[in-house]
Amino acid sequence: MQVAVVTFDGFNELDSFVASALVNRCRSDGLEAFITTPTPVVTSMNGVEVRGQRPLEFVADADVVLIGSGVKAREVVADDRMLSRLPVDPSRQLVGAQCSGALVLARLGLLDGMPACTDSKSRPFVEACGVTVLDVPFHAEGNIATAGGCLASQYLATWVISRTVGEDAARGVLDYVAPVGENQETVERALRAVRVGTRAAASR
């Protein structure tokens, strides 16, 4: 199973790197993430240059698509040509968005009637798309999930791992990366955020 971590110019490093690093700890289970970019090299919001591992066209073949955020998200959603390169399909893919990545999902019509999570700076722009923004870090309905706040990227990764290779695998990954002495707390917090966010959706 392959995961496209969509990473645009001006990206937030925490969003793309945390999600891909956690997912890639499941390579032995057949799950692998790739930084997926619209150009061969993209530059982060802090000037870090990264060479993409896959071109944006990889999105069409991926089993999971995670759309990261960045300072140029509003430029991305205003670019019809760019959006046409994102043929995401929740009927056959898991689709997630981090922070301002929710703008991309909204622009693609994937959040119609569905609330979303995003960061405080992106919130007014997401709401302007007619999307209700929740004051929680994670929300999922069916095969679509959103996370709000940079460090909520761990919840998005937890959702992907749990949905594809199982909760035990997610526990193992979270336990390994947790701060020393905070293993159980870290594991349970992430799993709880995903469960609560998914259960809330089921009760709507």
Protein backbone atom coordinates (compact mmCIF):
# COMPACT_ATOMS: atom_id res chain seq x y z
CA MET A 1 0.00 0.00 0.00
CA GLN A 2 1.36 3.36 -1.04
CA VAL A 3 0.77 6.75 0.53
CA ALA A 4 1.14 10.03 -1.35
CA VAL A 5 2.04 12.82 1.07
CA VAL A 6 1.17 15.78 -1.13
CA THR A 7 3.65 18.56 -0.44
CA PHE A 8 3.33 21.94 -2.14
CA ASP A 9 5.79 24.80 -2.33
CA GLY A 10 5.71 26.73 0.96
CA PHE A 11 4.86 23.56 2.87
CA ASN A 12 4.89 23.13 6.62
CA GLU A 13 7.65 20.65 7.49
CA LEU A 14 5.81 19.20 10.48
CA ASP A 15 2.82 18.23 8.38
CA SER A 16 4.65 16.37 5.64
CA PHE A 17 7.60 14.95 7.53
CA VAL A 18 5.85 13.74 10.69
CA ALA A 19 3.13 11.94 8.76
CA SER A 20 5.51 10.33 6.28
CA ALA A 21 8.03 9.35 8.98
CA LEU A 22 5.39 7.62 11.10
CA VAL A 23 3.80 5.81 8.16
CA ASN A 24 7.19 4.64 6.92
CA ARG A 25 7.78 2.78 10.15
CA CYS A 26 5.26 0.31 8.72
CA ARG A 27 7.26 -0.60 5.61
CA SER A 28 7.61 -4.16 6.86
CA ASP A 29 3.81 -4.33 6.87
CA GLY A 30 3.67 -3.21 3.25
CA LEU A 31 2.78 0.44 3.92
CA GLU A 32 5.07 3.12 2.49
CA ALA A 33 4.80 6.90 2.20
CA PHE A 34 6.35 9.15 -0.43
CA ILE A 35 6.75 12.91 -0.45
CA THR A 36 4.74 13.80 -3.54
CA THR A 37 5.35 17.16 -5.19
CA PRO A 38 4.07 19.21 -8.14
CA THR A 39 7.63 20.17 -9.14
CA PRO A 40 10.90 18.24 -8.71
CA VAL A 41 11.97 20.48 -5.81
CA VAL A 42 9.76 22.37 -3.35
CA THR A 43 10.79 24.83 -0.65
CA SER A 44 9.22 24.84 2.80
CA MET A 45 7.83 27.86 4.60
CA ASN A 46 11.17 28.02 6.42
CA GLY A 47 13.38 27.73 3.35
CA VAL A 48 14.11 24.00 3.45
CA GLU A 49 14.47 22.62 -0.07
CA VAL A 50 13.19 19.08 -0.62
CA ARG A 51 13.33 16.90 -3.69
CA GLY A 52 10.07 15.07 -4.19
CA GLN A 53 10.09 11.28 -4.16
CA ARG A 54 7.12 11.04 -6.50
CA PRO A 55 5.50 13.48 -8.98
CA LEU A 56 1.99 14.75 -8.36
CA GLU A 57 0.64 12.26 -10.90
CA PHE A 58 1.40 9.52 -8.34
CA VAL A 59 -1.75 10.66 -6.51
CA ALA A 60 -3.91 8.75 -9.01
CA ASP A 61 -2.22 5.44 -8.16
CA ALA A 62 -1.81 5.84 -4.39
CA ASP A 63 -3.92 3.90 -1.91
CA VAL A 64 -3.81 6.82 0.52
CA VAL A 65 -3.52 10.54 -0.20
CA LEU A 66 -2.53 12.98 2.56
CA ILE A 67 -2.60 16.65 1.63
CA GLY A 68 -0.28 18.78 3.73
CA SER A 69 -0.59 22.45 4.51
CA GLY A 70 1.57 25.46 3.81
CA VAL A 71 1.70 29.20 3.39
CA LYS A 72 0.71 28.99 -0.26
CA ALA A 73 -2.46 26.91 0.20
CA ARG A 74 -4.69 29.71 -1.04
CA GLU A 75 -2.62 29.97 -4.21
CA VAL A 76 -2.95 26.21 -4.70
CA VAL A 77 -6.75 26.23 -4.45
CA ALA A 78 -6.93 29.18 -6.85
CA ASP A 79 -5.01 27.23 -9.49
CA ASP A 80 -7.45 25.08 -11.47
CA ARG A 81 -4.60 23.43 -13.36
CA MET A 82 -2.98 22.35 -10.11
CA LEU A 83 -6.25 20.99 -8.76
CA SER A 84 -6.79 19.01 -11.95
CA ARG A 85 -3.62 17.10 -11.06
CA LEU A 86 -5.26 15.82 -7.87
CA PRO A 87 -7.76 13.17 -9.00
CA VAL A 88 -8.42 11.89 -5.49
CA ASP A 89 -11.24 9.38 -5.13
CA PRO A 90 -12.51 8.50 -1.62
CA SER A 91 -14.40 5.53 -3.04
CA ARG A 92 -11.09 3.73 -3.51
CA GLN A 93 -8.58 5.80 -1.51
CA LEU A 94 -8.16 7.01 2.03
CA VAL A 95 -7.94 10.80 1.81
CA GLY A 96 -6.66 13.04 4.57
CA ALA A 97 -5.78 16.70 4.93
CA GLN A 98 -3.69 18.57 7.44
CA CYS A 99 -4.54 22.14 8.48
CA SER A 100 -4.87 24.29 5.33
CA GLY A 101 -4.99 21.08 3.29
CA ALA A 102 -8.70 21.18 4.20
CA LEU A 103 -8.98 24.06 1.74
CA VAL A 104 -7.88 21.72 -1.02
CA LEU A 105 -10.46 19.10 -0.04
CA ALA A 106 -13.15 21.77 0.07
CA ARG A 107 -12.17 23.10 -3.34
CA LEU A 108 -12.28 19.55 -4.73
CA GLY A 109 -15.82 19.18 -3.39
CA LEU A 110 -14.93 16.45 -0.91
CA LEU A 111 -16.23 18.23 2.20
CA ASP A 112 -19.80 18.88 1.05
CA GLY A 113 -21.95 18.43 4.14
CA MET A 114 -18.97 17.27 6.20
CA PRO A 115 -17.30 19.31 8.97
CA ALA A 116 -13.53 19.55 9.07
CA CYS A 117 -10.55 20.32 11.25
CA THR A 118 -7.97 22.96 10.38
CA ASP A 119 -5.60 25.43 12.03
CA SER A 120 -6.68 28.80 13.43
CA LYS A 121 -5.17 30.84 10.57
CA SER A 122 -6.85 28.73 7.90
CA ARG A 123 -10.18 28.54 9.69
CA PRO A 124 -11.83 31.65 8.18
CA PHE A 125 -10.88 30.58 4.67
CA VAL A 126 -12.20 27.05 5.19
CA GLU A 127 -15.42 28.46 6.65
CA ALA A 128 -15.73 30.77 3.66
CA CYS A 129 -16.00 27.60 1.56
CA GLY A 130 -19.16 26.72 3.48
CA VAL A 131 -17.45 24.12 5.68
CA THR A 132 -18.13 23.90 9.40
CA VAL A 133 -14.84 23.88 11.31
CA LEU A 134 -14.68 21.81 14.48
CA ASP A 135 -12.76 22.74 17.63
CA VAL A 136 -11.11 19.34 17.77
CA PRO A 137 -7.78 18.03 16.40
CA PHE A 138 -9.13 15.19 14.26
CA HIS A 139 -12.32 14.22 12.42
CA ALA A 140 -13.02 11.38 10.00
CA GLU A 141 -16.06 10.27 8.07
CA GLY A 142 -15.77 7.18 5.92
CA ASN A 143 -12.55 7.44 3.91
CA ILE A 144 -12.00 11.17 4.49
CA ALA A 145 -10.19 12.67 7.47
CA THR A 146 -8.92 16.09 8.48
CA ALA A 147 -6.57 17.18 11.25
CA GLY A 148 -6.00 20.62 12.74
CA GLY A 149 -2.80 21.90 14.32
CA CYS A 150 0.70 20.94 13.17
CA LEU A 151 1.26 18.25 15.77
CA ALA A 152 -2.11 16.69 14.92
CA SER A 153 -0.27 15.19 11.94
CA GLN A 154 0.47 12.28 14.28
CA TYR A 155 -3.28 11.65 14.49
CA LEU A 156 -3.63 11.64 10.72
CA ALA A 157 -0.80 9.10 10.51
CA THR A 158 -2.37 7.04 13.30
CA TRP A 159 -5.65 6.95 11.35
CA VAL A 160 -3.88 5.81 8.18
CA ILE A 161 -1.91 3.09 9.94
CA SER A 162 -4.93 1.87 11.90
CA ARG A 163 -7.12 1.74 8.80
CA THR A 164 -4.56 -0.02 6.61
CA VAL A 165 -2.48 -2.36 8.78
CA GLY A 166 -4.29 -2.27 12.10
CA GLU A 167 -4.36 -0.59 15.49
CA ASP A 168 -1.63 -2.84 16.90
CA ALA A 169 0.75 -1.50 14.27
CA ALA A 170 -0.23 2.06 15.16
CA ARG A 171 0.42 1.33 18.82
CA GLY A 172 3.87 0.00 17.99
CA VAL A 173 4.82 3.04 15.95
CA LEU A 174 3.54 5.53 18.51
CA ASP A 175 5.24 3.70 21.37
CA TYR A 176 8.57 3.82 19.53
CA VAL A 177 8.49 7.57 18.77
CA ALA A 178 6.99 8.67 22.10
CA PRO A 179 9.07 10.79 24.48
CA VAL A 180 10.81 8.57 27.00
CA GLY A 181 8.60 8.05 30.03
CA GLU A 182 5.47 9.18 28.16
CA ASN A 183 4.94 6.11 26.01
CA GLN A 184 1.54 5.00 27.27
CA GLU A 185 0.24 8.56 27.47
CA THR A 186 1.35 9.30 23.89
CA VAL A 187 -0.11 6.09 22.47
CA GLU A 188 -3.45 6.43 24.22
CA ARG A 189 -3.81 10.14 23.38
CA ALA A 190 -3.35 9.53 19.67
CA LEU A 191 -5.63 6.51 19.54
CA ARG A 192 -8.25 8.32 21.61
CA ALA A 193 -8.20 11.33 19.28
CA VAL A 194 -8.77 9.07 16.28
CA ARG A 195 -11.49 7.02 17.98
CA VAL A 196 -13.34 10.06 19.27
CA GLY A 197 -13.06 11.88 15.96
CA THR A 198 -14.38 8.87 14.09
CA ARG A 199 -17.09 8.04 16.62
CA ALA A 200 -18.35 11.64 16.56
CA ALA A 201 -18.78 11.33 12.82
CA ALA A 202 -20.71 8.09 13.17
CA SER A 203 -23.18 9.77 15.53
CA ARG A 204 -23.98 12.65 13.17
